[in-house]
Amino acid sequence: MAFSVSSGGSNSGRGRRRDRMTPLAEINVTPFVDVVLVLLIIFMLTAHVMEYGLEVDVPKTKSVRTTTKQLPIINIDKEGGIYIGKEPVNIHELGADIRQRYAGQDAVYVRAARETTWDLLAQVVSELGDAKLQVNMVTQPDDSANKHQ
């Protein structure tokens, strides 16, 4: 059973005005704002990761460049002891000790044990950089590359 509601009295067939849907002239920006806010949140979360970097497993060196330069050697053992040659030194007096013992030197070698934490090594390099000394890292060649040949 179907019902029809008309608003024109008994002459609803002829004089009935059709309800037309007019096109909407405005753009609905609500979905656009939602997408922009989601992208902003994603950017805010990933910008923190990009600022501090990611953990990277650095490759071993295939070759070591040999040099004949005679530079002071700073040794860092696995317990965190810092030495100039074989004499222990305080990390905060590292630059002054190098300048005092080796007058005129503008570069040093840093030799660290494999177990040395990166935090300590970064602090030593920072102290040497503050003292305006060039830092050269001592490495060993990767012998496994020669075994596969």
N, C-alpha and C. Protein backbone atom coordinates (compact mmCIF):
# COMPACT_ATOMS: atom_id res chain seq x y z
N MET A 1 0.84 -1.16 0.00
CA MET A 1 0.00 0.00 0.00
C MET A 1 0.89 1.23 0.00
N ALA A 2 0.69 2.12 -0.93
CA ALA A 2 1.52 3.30 -1.08
C ALA A 2 0.69 4.53 -0.80
N PHE A 3 1.31 5.50 -0.19
CA PHE A 3 0.66 6.75 0.12
C PHE A 3 1.38 7.88 -0.58
N SER A 4 0.63 8.85 -1.01
CA SER A 4 1.21 10.00 -1.65
C SER A 4 0.73 11.24 -0.92
N VAL A 5 1.63 12.09 -0.54
CA VAL A 5 1.28 13.31 0.17
C VAL A 5 1.43 14.45 -0.82
N SER A 6 0.39 15.20 -1.00
CA SER A 6 0.44 16.31 -1.94
C SER A 6 0.06 17.58 -1.22
N SER A 7 0.59 18.68 -1.69
CA SER A 7 0.32 19.95 -1.04
C SER A 7 -0.44 20.90 -1.95
N GLY A 8 -1.19 20.43 -2.79
CA GLY A 8 -1.89 21.32 -3.70
C GLY A 8 -3.37 21.09 -3.72
N GLY A 9 -3.93 20.45 -2.81
CA GLY A 9 -5.36 20.19 -2.80
C GLY A 9 -5.70 19.05 -3.73
N SER A 10 -6.85 19.16 -4.39
CA SER A 10 -7.29 18.07 -5.25
C SER A 10 -6.62 18.11 -6.61
N ASN A 11 -6.07 19.24 -7.03
CA ASN A 11 -5.40 19.36 -8.33
C ASN A 11 -3.91 19.10 -8.18
N SER A 12 -3.53 18.14 -7.47
CA SER A 12 -2.11 17.93 -7.19
C SER A 12 -1.33 17.50 -8.42
N GLY A 13 -1.96 16.94 -9.42
CA GLY A 13 -1.25 16.47 -10.59
C GLY A 13 -0.79 17.56 -11.50
N ARG A 14 -1.62 18.60 -11.73
CA ARG A 14 -1.27 19.64 -12.67
C ARG A 14 -0.46 20.76 -12.04
N GLY A 15 -0.88 21.26 -10.97
CA GLY A 15 -0.26 22.44 -10.41
C GLY A 15 0.83 22.14 -9.39
N ARG A 16 1.19 20.92 -9.31
CA ARG A 16 2.21 20.56 -8.31
C ARG A 16 3.57 21.09 -8.72
N ARG A 17 4.19 21.72 -7.80
CA ARG A 17 5.52 22.24 -8.07
C ARG A 17 6.56 21.19 -7.70
N ARG A 18 7.43 20.95 -8.58
CA ARG A 18 8.43 19.91 -8.33
C ARG A 18 9.49 20.45 -7.39
N ASP A 19 9.85 19.64 -6.42
CA ASP A 19 10.93 20.00 -5.49
C ASP A 19 12.25 19.64 -6.17
N ARG A 20 12.90 20.66 -6.58
CA ARG A 20 14.17 20.43 -7.28
C ARG A 20 15.32 20.63 -6.31
N MET A 21 16.32 19.83 -6.46
CA MET A 21 17.51 19.98 -5.64
C MET A 21 18.47 20.89 -6.38
N THR A 22 18.76 21.99 -5.76
CA THR A 22 19.69 22.93 -6.38
C THR A 22 21.11 22.48 -6.09
N PRO A 23 22.03 22.68 -7.02
CA PRO A 23 23.43 22.26 -6.77
C PRO A 23 24.05 23.10 -5.66
N LEU A 24 24.83 22.43 -4.87
CA LEU A 24 25.51 23.08 -3.75
C LEU A 24 26.73 23.80 -4.28
N ALA A 25 26.82 25.10 -4.04
CA ALA A 25 27.88 25.92 -4.60
C ALA A 25 29.10 26.01 -3.68
N GLU A 26 29.02 25.51 -2.47
CA GLU A 26 30.13 25.59 -1.53
C GLU A 26 30.84 24.26 -1.44
N ILE A 27 32.16 24.32 -1.25
CA ILE A 27 32.96 23.10 -1.11
C ILE A 27 33.04 22.76 0.38
N ASN A 28 32.83 21.52 0.69
CA ASN A 28 32.92 21.07 2.07
C ASN A 28 34.40 20.86 2.40
N VAL A 29 34.96 21.69 3.28
CA VAL A 29 36.39 21.64 3.60
C VAL A 29 36.68 20.77 4.81
N THR A 30 35.68 20.21 5.44
CA THR A 30 35.90 19.40 6.64
C THR A 30 36.80 18.19 6.36
N PRO A 31 36.58 17.40 5.29
CA PRO A 31 37.51 16.28 5.03
C PRO A 31 38.93 16.76 4.74
N PHE A 32 39.06 17.90 4.07
CA PHE A 32 40.38 18.44 3.77
C PHE A 32 41.10 18.81 5.07
N VAL A 33 40.41 19.44 6.00
CA VAL A 33 41.01 19.82 7.28
C VAL A 33 41.40 18.57 8.06
N ASP A 34 40.58 17.54 8.02
CA ASP A 34 40.90 16.29 8.71
C ASP A 34 42.18 15.67 8.17
N VAL A 35 42.32 15.64 6.86
CA VAL A 35 43.52 15.06 6.25
C VAL A 35 44.75 15.89 6.60
N VAL A 36 44.63 17.20 6.57
CA VAL A 36 45.77 18.07 6.90
C VAL A 36 46.20 17.87 8.35
N LEU A 37 45.26 17.75 9.26
CA LEU A 37 45.61 17.53 10.67
C LEU A 37 46.28 16.18 10.89
N VAL A 38 45.83 15.15 10.19
CA VAL A 38 46.48 13.84 10.29
C VAL A 38 47.90 13.91 9.75
N LEU A 39 48.10 14.58 8.62
CA LEU A 39 49.45 14.73 8.07
C LEU A 39 50.34 15.53 9.00
N LEU A 40 49.81 16.54 9.66
CA LEU A 40 50.58 17.32 10.61
C LEU A 40 51.03 16.47 11.79
N ILE A 41 50.15 15.63 12.29
CA ILE A 41 50.51 14.75 13.40
C ILE A 41 51.59 13.77 12.96
N ILE A 42 51.47 13.20 11.79
CA ILE A 42 52.49 12.27 11.28
C ILE A 42 53.82 12.98 11.14
N PHE A 43 53.82 14.18 10.60
CA PHE A 43 55.06 14.94 10.46
C PHE A 43 55.69 15.23 11.81
N MET A 44 54.88 15.61 12.80
CA MET A 44 55.41 15.91 14.12
C MET A 44 56.05 14.68 14.77
N LEU A 45 55.50 13.51 14.52
CA LEU A 45 56.05 12.29 15.10
C LEU A 45 57.33 11.85 14.39
N THR A 46 57.38 12.00 13.08
CA THR A 46 58.57 11.54 12.35
C THR A 46 59.70 12.55 12.36
N ALA A 47 59.42 13.82 12.59
CA ALA A 47 60.49 14.82 12.63
C ALA A 47 61.42 14.56 13.80
N HIS A 48 60.93 14.03 14.89
CA HIS A 48 61.76 13.71 16.05
C HIS A 48 62.77 12.62 15.69
N VAL A 49 62.35 11.62 14.94
CA VAL A 49 63.25 10.54 14.53
C VAL A 49 64.31 11.06 13.58
N MET A 50 63.94 11.95 12.67
CA MET A 50 64.90 12.45 11.70
C MET A 50 65.92 13.36 12.35
N GLU A 51 65.57 14.02 13.45
CA GLU A 51 66.51 14.91 14.11
C GLU A 51 67.61 14.14 14.80
N TYR A 52 67.28 13.05 15.44
CA TYR A 52 68.27 12.30 16.20
C TYR A 52 68.87 11.15 15.42
N GLY A 53 68.34 10.83 14.30
CA GLY A 53 68.91 9.79 13.47
C GLY A 53 68.44 8.40 13.88
N LEU A 54 68.88 7.43 13.15
CA LEU A 54 68.53 6.05 13.39
C LEU A 54 69.79 5.27 13.71
N GLU A 55 69.59 4.13 14.35
CA GLU A 55 70.74 3.28 14.63
C GLU A 55 71.22 2.67 13.31
N VAL A 56 72.52 2.74 13.11
CA VAL A 56 73.10 2.22 11.89
C VAL A 56 74.25 1.29 12.24
N ASP A 57 74.25 0.10 11.68
CA ASP A 57 75.34 -0.83 11.87
C ASP A 57 76.39 -0.52 10.80
N VAL A 58 77.44 0.18 11.19
CA VAL A 58 78.42 0.63 10.21
C VAL A 58 79.26 -0.56 9.71
N PRO A 59 79.66 -0.53 8.46
CA PRO A 59 80.46 -1.63 7.91
C PRO A 59 81.91 -1.57 8.39
N LYS A 60 82.55 -2.70 8.29
CA LYS A 60 83.98 -2.75 8.64
C LYS A 60 84.78 -2.20 7.47
N THR A 61 85.97 -1.70 7.78
CA THR A 61 86.80 -1.15 6.72
C THR A 61 87.51 -2.27 5.97
N LYS A 62 87.56 -2.15 4.66
CA LYS A 62 88.24 -3.16 3.85
C LYS A 62 89.73 -2.92 3.80
N SER A 63 90.11 -1.67 3.88
CA SER A 63 91.53 -1.36 3.84
C SER A 63 91.83 -0.23 4.81
N VAL A 64 93.05 -0.19 5.23
CA VAL A 64 93.50 0.85 6.16
C VAL A 64 94.59 1.64 5.47
N ARG A 65 94.46 2.94 5.49
CA ARG A 65 95.46 3.80 4.86
C ARG A 65 96.67 3.89 5.78
N THR A 66 97.82 3.59 5.26
CA THR A 66 99.04 3.69 6.05
C THR A 66 99.59 5.10 5.96
N THR A 67 100.19 5.54 7.04
CA THR A 67 100.74 6.88 7.08
C THR A 67 102.04 6.86 7.85
N THR A 68 102.88 7.82 7.56
CA THR A 68 104.16 7.91 8.26
C THR A 68 104.20 9.08 9.22
N LYS A 69 103.05 9.72 9.43
CA LYS A 69 103.01 10.85 10.34
C LYS A 69 103.23 10.37 11.77
N GLN A 70 104.02 11.09 12.50
CA GLN A 70 104.25 10.82 13.91
C GLN A 70 103.37 11.76 14.72
N LEU A 71 102.23 11.27 15.15
CA LEU A 71 101.27 12.06 15.90
C LEU A 71 101.05 11.44 17.28
N PRO A 72 100.63 12.23 18.24
CA PRO A 72 100.29 11.67 19.55
C PRO A 72 99.13 10.68 19.43
N ILE A 73 99.19 9.62 20.24
CA ILE A 73 98.15 8.60 20.22
C ILE A 73 97.37 8.65 21.53
N ILE A 74 96.05 8.77 21.41
CA ILE A 74 95.18 8.73 22.57
C ILE A 74 94.52 7.36 22.57
N ASN A 75 94.75 6.60 23.64
CA ASN A 75 94.20 5.25 23.76
C ASN A 75 93.01 5.26 24.71
N ILE A 76 91.97 4.54 24.34
CA ILE A 76 90.79 4.37 25.19
C ILE A 76 90.59 2.87 25.37
N ASP A 77 90.69 2.39 26.63
CA ASP A 77 90.52 0.95 26.84
C ASP A 77 89.05 0.61 27.06
N LYS A 78 88.75 -0.68 27.16
CA LYS A 78 87.35 -1.09 27.26
C LYS A 78 86.70 -0.72 28.59
N GLU A 79 87.50 -0.43 29.62
CA GLU A 79 86.94 0.02 30.89
C GLU A 79 86.65 1.52 30.90
N GLY A 80 87.08 2.24 29.89
CA GLY A 80 86.82 3.67 29.80
C GLY A 80 88.00 4.53 30.20
N GLY A 81 89.17 3.93 30.43
CA GLY A 81 90.36 4.70 30.76
C GLY A 81 90.92 5.41 29.54
N ILE A 82 91.34 6.66 29.72
CA ILE A 82 91.87 7.45 28.62
C ILE A 82 93.35 7.70 28.90
N TYR A 83 94.20 7.43 27.91
CA TYR A 83 95.65 7.54 28.06
C TYR A 83 96.24 8.30 26.89
N ILE A 84 97.28 9.08 27.19
CA ILE A 84 98.12 9.64 26.13
C ILE A 84 99.37 8.79 26.15
N GLY A 85 99.52 7.99 25.11
CA GLY A 85 100.59 6.99 25.14
C GLY A 85 100.22 5.95 26.17
N LYS A 86 101.01 5.88 27.28
CA LYS A 86 100.70 4.95 28.37
C LYS A 86 100.35 5.67 29.67
N GLU A 87 100.30 6.99 29.64
CA GLU A 87 100.03 7.76 30.85
C GLU A 87 98.55 8.15 30.90
N PRO A 88 97.86 7.87 32.02
CA PRO A 88 96.45 8.23 32.12
C PRO A 88 96.26 9.74 32.14
N VAL A 89 95.10 10.18 31.62
CA VAL A 89 94.80 11.61 31.54
C VAL A 89 93.30 11.81 31.78
N ASN A 90 92.96 12.96 32.36
CA ASN A 90 91.57 13.34 32.57
C ASN A 90 90.99 13.82 31.24
N ILE A 91 89.74 13.45 30.97
CA ILE A 91 89.12 13.81 29.68
C ILE A 91 89.00 15.32 29.52
N HIS A 92 88.79 16.04 30.62
CA HIS A 92 88.61 17.49 30.53
C HIS A 92 89.93 18.24 30.35
N GLU A 93 91.06 17.59 30.59
CA GLU A 93 92.37 18.20 30.41
C GLU A 93 93.09 17.64 29.19
N LEU A 94 92.36 16.91 28.36
CA LEU A 94 92.95 16.21 27.22
C LEU A 94 93.59 17.18 26.23
N GLY A 95 92.86 18.21 25.81
CA GLY A 95 93.39 19.17 24.84
C GLY A 95 94.59 19.92 25.38
N ALA A 96 94.52 20.35 26.65
CA ALA A 96 95.63 21.09 27.26
C ALA A 96 96.87 20.22 27.40
N ASP A 97 96.67 18.94 27.76
CA ASP A 97 97.82 18.03 27.88
C ASP A 97 98.50 17.78 26.54
N ILE A 98 97.70 17.63 25.49
CA ILE A 98 98.28 17.43 24.15
C ILE A 98 99.07 18.66 23.75
N ARG A 99 98.51 19.84 23.93
CA ARG A 99 99.20 21.09 23.57
C ARG A 99 100.48 21.27 24.39
N GLN A 100 100.48 20.85 25.67
CA GLN A 100 101.65 21.02 26.52
C GLN A 100 102.74 20.00 26.18
N ARG A 101 102.37 18.75 26.00
CA ARG A 101 103.37 17.69 25.75
C ARG A 101 103.88 17.72 24.31
N TYR A 102 103.02 18.02 23.38
CA TYR A 102 103.39 17.99 21.97
C TYR A 102 103.13 19.36 21.36
N ALA A 103 103.97 20.29 21.64
CA ALA A 103 103.82 21.65 21.14
C ALA A 103 103.90 21.67 19.61
N GLY A 104 102.99 22.38 19.00
CA GLY A 104 103.00 22.50 17.54
C GLY A 104 102.19 21.43 16.83
N GLN A 105 101.67 20.43 17.52
CA GLN A 105 100.87 19.39 16.88
C GLN A 105 99.43 19.88 16.70
N ASP A 106 98.88 19.64 15.53
CA ASP A 106 97.49 20.04 15.28
C ASP A 106 96.60 18.83 14.97
N ALA A 107 97.12 17.61 15.17
CA ALA A 107 96.34 16.40 14.90
C ALA A 107 96.76 15.30 15.87
N VAL A 108 95.85 14.37 16.11
CA VAL A 108 96.12 13.23 16.99
C VAL A 108 95.50 11.98 16.39
N TYR A 109 95.96 10.81 16.86
CA TYR A 109 95.33 9.54 16.57
C TYR A 109 94.51 9.14 17.79
N VAL A 110 93.33 8.62 17.54
CA VAL A 110 92.51 8.06 18.61
C VAL A 110 92.36 6.57 18.34
N ARG A 111 92.81 5.77 19.31
CA ARG A 111 92.72 4.31 19.19
C ARG A 111 91.86 3.81 20.33
N ALA A 112 90.71 3.23 20.00
CA ALA A 112 89.74 2.79 21.01
C ALA A 112 89.50 1.30 20.86
N ALA A 113 89.27 0.66 22.00
CA ALA A 113 88.93 -0.77 21.99
C ALA A 113 87.56 -0.96 21.36
N ARG A 114 87.33 -2.12 20.81
CA ARG A 114 86.06 -2.41 20.16
C ARG A 114 84.89 -2.30 21.14
N GLU A 115 85.13 -2.64 22.41
CA GLU A 115 84.08 -2.62 23.43
C GLU A 115 83.81 -1.22 23.98
N THR A 116 84.56 -0.22 23.56
CA THR A 116 84.37 1.14 24.05
C THR A 116 82.99 1.65 23.63
N THR A 117 82.30 2.29 24.57
CA THR A 117 80.98 2.82 24.24
C THR A 117 81.11 4.05 23.34
N TRP A 118 80.12 4.24 22.52
CA TRP A 118 80.14 5.38 21.60
C TRP A 118 80.07 6.69 22.37
N ASP A 119 79.40 6.71 23.52
CA ASP A 119 79.26 7.92 24.31
C ASP A 119 80.64 8.45 24.73
N LEU A 120 81.49 7.58 25.24
CA LEU A 120 82.82 7.99 25.66
C LEU A 120 83.66 8.44 24.47
N LEU A 121 83.59 7.71 23.38
CA LEU A 121 84.36 8.07 22.19
C LEU A 121 83.91 9.43 21.64
N ALA A 122 82.60 9.69 21.65
CA ALA A 122 82.09 10.98 21.18
C ALA A 122 82.55 12.11 22.08
N GLN A 123 82.62 11.88 23.38
CA GLN A 123 83.08 12.91 24.30
C GLN A 123 84.56 13.23 24.08
N VAL A 124 85.36 12.19 23.84
CA VAL A 124 86.79 12.41 23.58
C VAL A 124 86.97 13.20 22.29
N VAL A 125 86.26 12.82 21.24
CA VAL A 125 86.37 13.53 19.96
C VAL A 125 85.89 14.97 20.12
N SER A 126 84.85 15.19 20.91
CA SER A 126 84.35 16.55 21.15
C SER A 126 85.39 17.40 21.89
N GLU A 127 86.03 16.84 22.91
CA GLU A 127 87.06 17.57 23.65
C GLU A 127 88.24 17.92 22.74
N LEU A 128 88.61 16.99 21.87
CA LEU A 128 89.72 17.25 20.95
C LEU A 128 89.31 18.30 19.91
N GLY A 129 88.07 18.27 19.48
CA GLY A 129 87.58 19.27 18.54
C GLY A 129 87.55 20.66 19.17
N ASP A 130 87.17 20.72 20.46
CA ASP A 130 87.17 22.01 21.15
C ASP A 130 88.58 22.57 21.28
N ALA A 131 89.58 21.68 21.34
CA ALA A 131 90.98 22.11 21.45
C ALA A 131 91.57 22.38 20.06
N LYS A 132 90.74 22.34 19.01
CA LYS A 132 91.15 22.62 17.63
C LYS A 132 92.19 21.62 17.13
N LEU A 133 91.99 20.34 17.50
CA LEU A 133 92.89 19.27 17.05
C LEU A 133 92.15 18.40 16.04
N GLN A 134 92.85 18.04 14.97
CA GLN A 134 92.28 17.13 13.97
C GLN A 134 92.34 15.72 14.54
N VAL A 135 91.25 14.98 14.40
CA VAL A 135 91.15 13.63 14.95
C VAL A 135 91.25 12.61 13.82
N ASN A 136 92.18 11.66 13.97
CA ASN A 136 92.34 10.55 13.04
C ASN A 136 92.06 9.27 13.82
N MET A 137 91.13 8.45 13.31
CA MET A 137 90.77 7.22 13.99
C MET A 137 91.66 6.07 13.50
N VAL A 138 92.09 5.24 14.43
CA VAL A 138 92.92 4.08 14.12
C VAL A 138 92.00 2.89 13.94
N THR A 139 92.09 2.21 12.81
CA THR A 139 91.27 1.02 12.53
C THR A 139 92.15 -0.12 12.06
N GLN A 140 91.56 -1.30 12.00
CA GLN A 140 92.26 -2.47 11.48
C GLN A 140 91.52 -2.96 10.25
N PRO A 141 92.25 -3.55 9.31
CA PRO A 141 91.56 -4.03 8.11
C PRO A 141 90.70 -5.25 8.42
N ASP A 142 89.65 -5.43 7.63
CA ASP A 142 88.78 -6.59 7.76
C ASP A 142 89.43 -7.75 7.02
N ASP A 143 89.87 -8.77 7.75
CA ASP A 143 90.56 -9.90 7.15
C ASP A 143 89.60 -10.85 6.47
N SER A 144 88.32 -10.80 6.77
CA SER A 144 87.36 -11.71 6.16
C SER A 144 87.18 -11.44 4.67
N ALA A 145 87.44 -10.23 4.21
CA ALA A 145 87.32 -9.91 2.78
C ALA A 145 88.38 -10.65 1.97
N ASN A 146 89.56 -10.87 2.54
CA ASN A 146 90.63 -11.58 1.82
C ASN A 146 90.39 -13.09 1.81
N LYS A 147 89.66 -13.63 2.77
CA LYS A 147 89.42 -15.08 2.85
C LYS A 147 88.49 -15.54 1.74
N HIS A 148 87.58 -14.68 1.29
CA HIS A 148 86.61 -15.06 0.26
C HIS A 148 87.17 -14.99 -1.14
N GLN A 149 88.35 -14.50 -1.34
CA GLN A 149 88.90 -14.34 -2.69
C GLN A 149 89.61 -15.57 -3.15
